[in-house]
Protein backbone atom coordinates (compact mmCIF):
# COMPACT_ATOMS: atom_id res chain seq x y z
CA UNK A 1 69.08 -69.56 121.70
CA UNK A 2 68.42 -67.14 124.59
CA UNK A 3 65.99 -64.30 124.21
CA UNK A 4 67.66 -60.89 124.14
CA UNK A 5 67.05 -57.69 126.08
CA UNK A 6 68.22 -54.58 124.26
CA UNK A 7 68.98 -51.66 126.58
CA UNK A 8 68.76 -48.35 124.72
CA UNK A 9 70.89 -45.59 126.25
CA UNK A 10 72.30 -42.18 125.46
CA UNK A 11 75.95 -42.44 124.32
CA UNK A 12 77.64 -41.48 127.61
CA UNK A 13 75.48 -43.82 129.66
CA UNK A 14 75.94 -46.61 127.09
CA UNK A 15 79.73 -46.27 127.26
CA UNK A 16 79.61 -46.40 131.06
CA UNK A 17 77.42 -49.52 131.01
CA UNK A 18 79.58 -51.32 128.46
CA UNK A 19 82.68 -50.54 130.52
CA UNK A 20 81.04 -52.02 133.60
CA UNK A 21 81.20 -48.65 135.37
CA UNK A 22 77.48 -47.98 135.88
CA UNK A 23 76.39 -49.44 139.21
CA UNK A 24 72.67 -49.74 138.52
CA UNK A 25 72.98 -51.01 134.95
CA UNK A 26 75.59 -53.52 136.06
CA UNK A 27 73.08 -54.95 138.51
CA UNK A 28 70.35 -54.95 135.84
CA UNK A 29 72.61 -56.84 133.44
CA UNK A 30 73.55 -59.44 136.04
CA UNK A 31 69.92 -60.05 136.99
CA UNK A 32 68.88 -60.48 133.36
CA UNK A 33 71.75 -62.82 132.51
CA UNK A 34 71.06 -64.92 135.60
CA UNK A 35 67.49 -65.13 134.38
CA UNK A 36 68.69 -66.73 131.14
CA UNK A 37 68.49 -63.65 128.92
CA UNK A 38 71.13 -62.16 126.65
CA UNK A 39 71.81 -58.44 127.08
CA UNK A 40 72.99 -55.92 124.52
CA UNK A 41 73.39 -52.16 124.74
CA UNK A 42 72.30 -49.88 121.88
CA UNK A 43 72.25 -46.17 121.19
CA UNK A 44 68.90 -44.64 122.11
CA UNK A 45 68.73 -43.04 118.65
CA UNK A 46 68.04 -46.55 117.31
CA UNK A 47 65.17 -47.36 119.65
CA UNK A 48 62.52 -47.00 116.91
CA UNK A 49 64.33 -49.40 114.59
CA UNK A 50 63.12 -53.03 114.49
CA UNK A 51 64.46 -55.23 117.30
CA UNK A 52 63.64 -58.67 118.66
CA UNK A 53 62.92 -59.68 122.22
CA UNK A 54 62.53 -57.26 125.10
CA UNK A 55 63.74 -53.67 125.42
CA UNK A 56 64.64 -51.38 128.28
CA UNK A 57 64.74 -47.63 127.67
CA UNK A 58 65.94 -44.73 129.80
CA UNK A 59 63.09 -42.27 130.39
CA UNK A 60 61.58 -42.67 126.90
CA UNK A 61 58.05 -43.80 126.08
CA UNK A 62 57.91 -47.59 125.58
CA UNK A 63 58.02 -48.62 121.92
CA UNK A 64 56.27 -51.99 122.36
CA UNK A 65 54.42 -54.06 124.96
CA UNK A 66 57.76 -55.77 125.61
CA UNK A 67 59.48 -52.52 126.58
CA UNK A 68 60.10 -51.35 130.15
CA UNK A 69 61.27 -47.93 131.28
CA UNK A 70 64.00 -47.22 133.81
CA UNK A 71 64.34 -43.82 135.40
CA UNK A 72 66.20 -42.26 138.28
CA UNK A 73 63.86 -41.44 141.18
CA UNK A 74 64.95 -37.81 141.70
CA UNK A 75 68.46 -38.63 142.97
CA UNK A 76 71.08 -41.36 142.74
CA UNK A 77 71.15 -44.22 143.67
CA UNK A 78 67.34 -44.53 143.57
CA UNK A 79 65.75 -46.02 140.44
CA UNK A 80 62.46 -47.29 139.07
CA UNK A 81 61.69 -49.92 136.44
CA UNK A 82 58.16 -49.42 135.16
CA UNK A 83 55.85 -50.14 132.25
CA UNK A 84 55.27 -46.42 131.62
CA UNK A 85 57.45 -43.35 131.25
CA UNK A 86 54.78 -41.27 133.00
CA UNK A 87 55.56 -41.07 136.71
CA UNK A 88 51.89 -40.73 137.69
CA UNK A 89 51.24 -44.16 136.17
CA UNK A 90 53.94 -45.89 138.22
CA UNK A 91 53.11 -48.45 140.87
CA UNK A 92 54.13 -46.07 143.65
CA UNK A 93 51.65 -43.46 142.42
CA UNK A 94 48.82 -45.97 142.85
CA UNK A 95 50.09 -47.34 146.17
CA UNK A 96 48.71 -46.27 149.55
CA UNK A 97 51.14 -44.70 152.03
CA UNK A 98 50.62 -45.78 155.63
CA UNK A 99 53.04 -43.96 157.98
CA UNK A 100 52.35 -46.46 160.76
CA UNK A 101 54.28 -49.11 158.84
CA UNK A 102 57.54 -47.10 158.96
CA UNK A 103 59.88 -46.84 161.95
CA UNK A 104 60.00 -43.16 162.91
CA UNK A 105 63.54 -43.08 164.34
CA UNK A 106 64.95 -44.89 161.32
CA UNK A 107 63.08 -42.56 158.96
CA UNK A 108 64.27 -39.44 160.80
CA UNK A 109 67.92 -40.49 160.48
CA UNK A 110 67.43 -41.34 156.85
CA UNK A 111 65.81 -38.00 155.97
CA UNK A 112 68.39 -36.00 157.93
CA UNK A 113 71.32 -37.82 156.35
CA UNK A 114 69.99 -37.36 152.84
CA UNK A 115 69.17 -33.70 153.39
CA UNK A 116 72.79 -33.10 154.46
CA UNK A 117 74.09 -35.15 151.55
CA UNK A 118 72.09 -33.18 149.01
CA UNK A 119 71.93 -29.72 150.57
CA UNK A 120 74.87 -29.53 152.95
CA UNK A 121 74.24 -27.51 156.09
CA UNK A 122 71.07 -25.84 154.79
CA UNK A 123 68.51 -25.89 157.60
CA UNK A 124 64.73 -25.53 157.35
CA UNK A 125 63.18 -22.21 158.33
CA UNK A 126 60.02 -20.29 157.49
CA UNK A 127 60.59 -16.78 156.18
CA UNK A 128 57.03 -16.10 155.09
CA UNK A 129 57.04 -16.61 151.31
CA UNK A 130 55.66 -19.10 148.80
CA UNK A 131 58.08 -20.86 146.48
CA UNK A 132 56.79 -21.69 142.99
CA UNK A 133 59.32 -23.74 140.98
CA UNK A 134 58.48 -23.80 137.28
CA UNK A 135 59.26 -26.28 134.55
CA UNK A 136 58.67 -25.68 130.84
CA UNK A 137 55.80 -24.78 128.47
CA UNK A 138 54.36 -22.41 131.04
CA UNK A 139 51.54 -20.96 128.91
CA UNK A 140 50.16 -24.41 127.98
CA UNK A 141 47.87 -26.68 129.97
CA UNK A 142 48.88 -30.26 129.28
CA UNK A 143 46.80 -33.39 129.83
CA UNK A 144 48.29 -34.14 133.27
CA UNK A 145 47.85 -30.57 134.56
CA UNK A 146 44.89 -29.04 136.38
CA UNK A 147 45.84 -25.62 134.96
CA UNK A 148 48.65 -24.12 132.95
CA UNK A 149 51.68 -22.93 134.96
CA UNK A 150 50.73 -19.29 134.32
CA UNK A 151 47.17 -19.99 135.52
CA UNK A 152 48.67 -21.73 138.54
CA UNK A 153 50.61 -18.58 139.45
CA UNK A 154 47.43 -16.49 139.15
CA UNK A 155 45.67 -18.96 141.45
CA UNK A 156 48.44 -18.73 144.06
CA UNK A 157 48.30 -14.94 144.07
CA UNK A 158 44.51 -15.03 144.45
CA UNK A 159 44.53 -17.65 147.21
CA UNK A 160 47.35 -16.13 149.29
CA UNK A 161 47.07 -12.36 149.21
CA UNK A 162 49.67 -11.68 151.90
CA UNK A 163 52.79 -13.76 151.39
CA UNK A 164 55.53 -12.81 148.93
CA UNK A 165 55.82 -15.26 146.04
CA UNK A 166 59.15 -16.39 144.59
CA UNK A 167 58.82 -17.86 141.10
CA UNK A 168 61.78 -20.03 140.14
CA UNK A 169 62.49 -20.55 136.44
CA UNK A 170 64.13 -23.88 135.62
CA UNK A 171 67.72 -23.30 134.49
CA UNK A 172 67.59 -26.18 131.96
CA UNK A 173 64.35 -25.10 130.28
CA UNK A 174 64.12 -22.79 127.29
CA UNK A 175 61.61 -19.97 127.82
CA UNK A 176 60.15 -18.01 124.92
CA UNK A 177 60.07 -14.23 124.79
CA UNK A 178 56.33 -14.37 125.51
CA UNK A 179 56.93 -16.64 128.53
CA UNK A 180 59.46 -14.23 130.01
CA UNK A 181 57.17 -11.29 129.26
CA UNK A 182 54.31 -13.02 131.09
CA UNK A 183 56.49 -13.60 134.16
CA UNK A 184 57.76 -10.02 134.13
CA UNK A 185 54.15 -8.83 134.07
CA UNK A 186 53.57 -10.63 137.38
CA UNK A 187 56.48 -8.69 138.87
CA UNK A 188 55.08 -5.41 137.55
CA UNK A 189 51.57 -6.14 138.85
CA UNK A 190 52.61 -7.38 142.28
CA UNK A 191 55.40 -5.91 144.36
CA UNK A 192 55.49 -9.14 146.35
CA UNK A 193 56.41 -11.28 143.30
CA UNK A 194 60.05 -12.06 142.52
CA UNK A 195 61.12 -14.10 139.49
CA UNK A 196 64.51 -15.82 139.70
CA UNK A 197 66.48 -18.23 137.56
CA UNK A 198 67.23 -21.46 139.42
CA UNK A 199 68.41 -20.97 143.03
CA UNK A 200 66.30 -23.80 144.41
CA UNK A 201 68.91 -24.41 147.11
CA UNK A 202 68.46 -20.82 148.32
CA UNK A 203 64.68 -20.53 148.31
CA UNK A 204 63.41 -24.02 149.07
CA UNK A 205 64.68 -24.37 152.69
CA UNK A 206 63.15 -21.09 153.87
CA UNK A 207 59.75 -20.95 152.18
CA UNK A 208 56.46 -21.56 153.99
CA UNK A 209 55.20 -23.96 151.33
CA UNK A 210 55.69 -24.98 147.70
CA UNK A 211 53.28 -24.78 144.78
CA UNK A 212 54.22 -26.58 141.58
CA UNK A 213 52.91 -28.65 138.73
CA UNK A 214 55.04 -31.72 139.46
CA UNK A 215 58.56 -30.37 139.85
CA UNK A 216 61.10 -32.50 141.70
CA UNK A 217 61.74 -29.37 143.79
CA UNK A 218 58.46 -30.07 145.58
CA UNK A 219 59.71 -33.56 146.43
CA UNK A 220 63.01 -32.16 147.72
CA UNK A 221 60.97 -29.72 149.78
CA UNK A 222 59.79 -32.67 151.85
CA UNK A 223 63.34 -32.93 153.23
CA UNK A 224 62.82 -29.48 154.75
CA UNK A 225 59.30 -30.19 155.95
CA UNK A 226 57.70 -28.06 153.26
CA UNK A 227 54.09 -28.88 152.38
CA UNK A 228 53.29 -28.80 148.68
CA UNK A 229 50.28 -28.10 146.49
CA UNK A 230 50.54 -29.95 143.19
CA UNK A 231 48.72 -28.93 140.02
CA UNK A 232 50.16 -31.80 137.98
CA UNK A 233 49.88 -35.56 138.31
CA UNK A 234 53.03 -37.18 139.70
CA UNK A 235 54.30 -40.11 141.76
CA UNK A 236 54.97 -38.26 145.07
CA UNK A 237 51.44 -36.90 145.51
CA UNK A 238 50.44 -38.90 148.61
CA UNK A 239 51.20 -36.25 151.25
CA UNK A 240 50.59 -33.19 149.07
CA UNK A 241 47.52 -31.04 148.51
CA UNK A 242 46.60 -32.60 145.18
CA UNK A 243 44.67 -30.03 143.15
CA UNK A 244 43.39 -32.71 140.76
CA UNK A 245 41.58 -34.31 143.72
CA UNK A 246 40.79 -31.30 145.91
CA UNK A 247 40.24 -28.54 143.40
CA UNK A 248 42.19 -25.29 143.22
CA UNK A 249 40.46 -23.44 146.06
CA UNK A 250 40.66 -26.24 148.61
CA UNK A 251 44.12 -27.37 147.59
CA UNK A 252 45.63 -23.91 147.97
CA UNK A 253 43.48 -23.20 150.99
CA UNK A 254 44.82 -26.07 153.06
CA UNK A 255 48.46 -26.43 151.94
CA UNK A 256 50.01 -23.87 154.30
CA UNK A 257 48.72 -25.72 157.37
CA UNK A 258 49.52 -29.25 156.26
CA UNK A 259 51.97 -31.18 158.44
CA UNK A 260 52.23 -34.71 157.06
CA UNK A 261 54.85 -37.18 158.28
CA UNK A 262 57.53 -36.11 155.82
CA UNK A 263 60.30 -38.32 157.22
CA UNK A 264 58.31 -41.54 157.19
CA UNK A 265 57.11 -40.71 153.70
CA UNK A 266 60.62 -40.19 152.37
CA UNK A 267 61.73 -43.53 153.78
CA UNK A 268 58.70 -45.30 152.26
CA UNK A 269 59.08 -43.60 148.89
CA UNK A 270 62.80 -44.17 148.45
CA UNK A 271 63.60 -47.25 150.50
CA UNK A 272 60.46 -49.32 150.02
CA UNK A 273 58.95 -48.18 146.72
CA UNK A 274 62.15 -47.46 144.76
CA UNK A 275 65.22 -49.51 143.92
CA UNK A 276 68.17 -48.32 146.00
CA UNK A 277 71.09 -49.40 143.83
CA UNK A 278 73.45 -48.83 146.75
CA UNK A 279 71.90 -51.55 148.93
CA UNK A 280 72.63 -55.28 148.96
CA UNK A 281 69.02 -56.13 148.16
CA UNK A 282 68.99 -54.04 144.97
CA UNK A 283 69.39 -57.04 142.68
CA UNK A 284 66.49 -58.80 144.38
CA UNK A 285 64.36 -55.68 143.86
CA UNK A 286 65.38 -55.53 140.20
CA UNK A 287 64.59 -59.22 139.75
CA UNK A 288 61.17 -58.66 141.28
CA UNK A 289 60.38 -55.98 138.68
CA UNK A 290 61.41 -58.23 135.79
CA UNK A 291 59.55 -61.16 137.31
CA UNK A 292 56.38 -59.09 137.56
CA UNK A 293 56.77 -58.19 133.89
CA UNK A 294 57.16 -61.87 133.00
CA UNK A 295 60.70 -61.49 131.69
CA UNK A 296 62.30 -63.96 134.11
CA UNK A 297 61.02 -66.85 136.18
C-alpha cells in the first residue's frame, strides 16, 4: 500500500485542486504520484486531527516532522516548498546572492516585464519622501523584529530629519483604536508625516527608499530600484540594509545611498530560488524539493 500525502487547503483552494484547475497543485500532485505516493486533499480546519503519512500545508506552521509548507513567493506563479512557515528560515534566506552568476540583459528584461505586469505603466521616480509600509500589531515587538513598528517609525524620523515620511497602513490588517491614535500622533507632531490606507501602487514607485519590518511592499520596491531598510527577518534581505545585522543607526544611515543590482537579484530570487509554476522545469524543481525532504527517490 502506497504512503499517502495529505494536502491541507482552505476550501476554495481545495475545490480548485480537486477540480484539476490549480496549476501549481496539479504539478505537485503529479510529482508525488509519479514518486509512488498517494495524494488526498483535506480541509485545512482538519490539519490538527490525526493523519498518517506526510502532509503539505498552505502557509501554516508544520504539525509534524513529516509536514512541509507551501507558500506563494509574493506573486503568482512563484512558489516555495519549505520545512518552515517562517520565510526567514527558508533556504533562500540562508543562501548567498552573487550577482556575477546572473546574466544582466536577461535579468533586466525579466524585471521590466514583471514590473509592467504587476504595476502597469508606473515608472520609477524619486520625489523626496520615505515610504513606510506597515503590517499588523504595530505596538508590539515580536521575536523576528529589531523594534516594534511604532519604534521603527520613531527611528526613521530621527535618522532622516528632512524627508517627508508616508506611512502606509495595510488594508487587510485590523488596527486598534490605540494603534490609529498612535499613528495620528505622528501626524500631529510632524508636518512631514502622512498616514494613508493602502495605496502602495501610488507611493512605492516615487519614494526615495523604503523602511519596513518585512512587508512584501519592500520586495516589490526592488522592481522600481528602491533600496530598503528592514527591521524584521525575512527571505529577501540580501540586498537590503538589514537592521538585525547593521543596527538601527547604520542601517538607516546607509539605506538612502544603496544601489544594489536589483534586476539580477530579482531574477535570482524568483527564477533560481523559487519554483516558477509557469515554466516547463517546474515539476523538476518540485521533485527536487520532495527529494531533499526524503519523500521521493
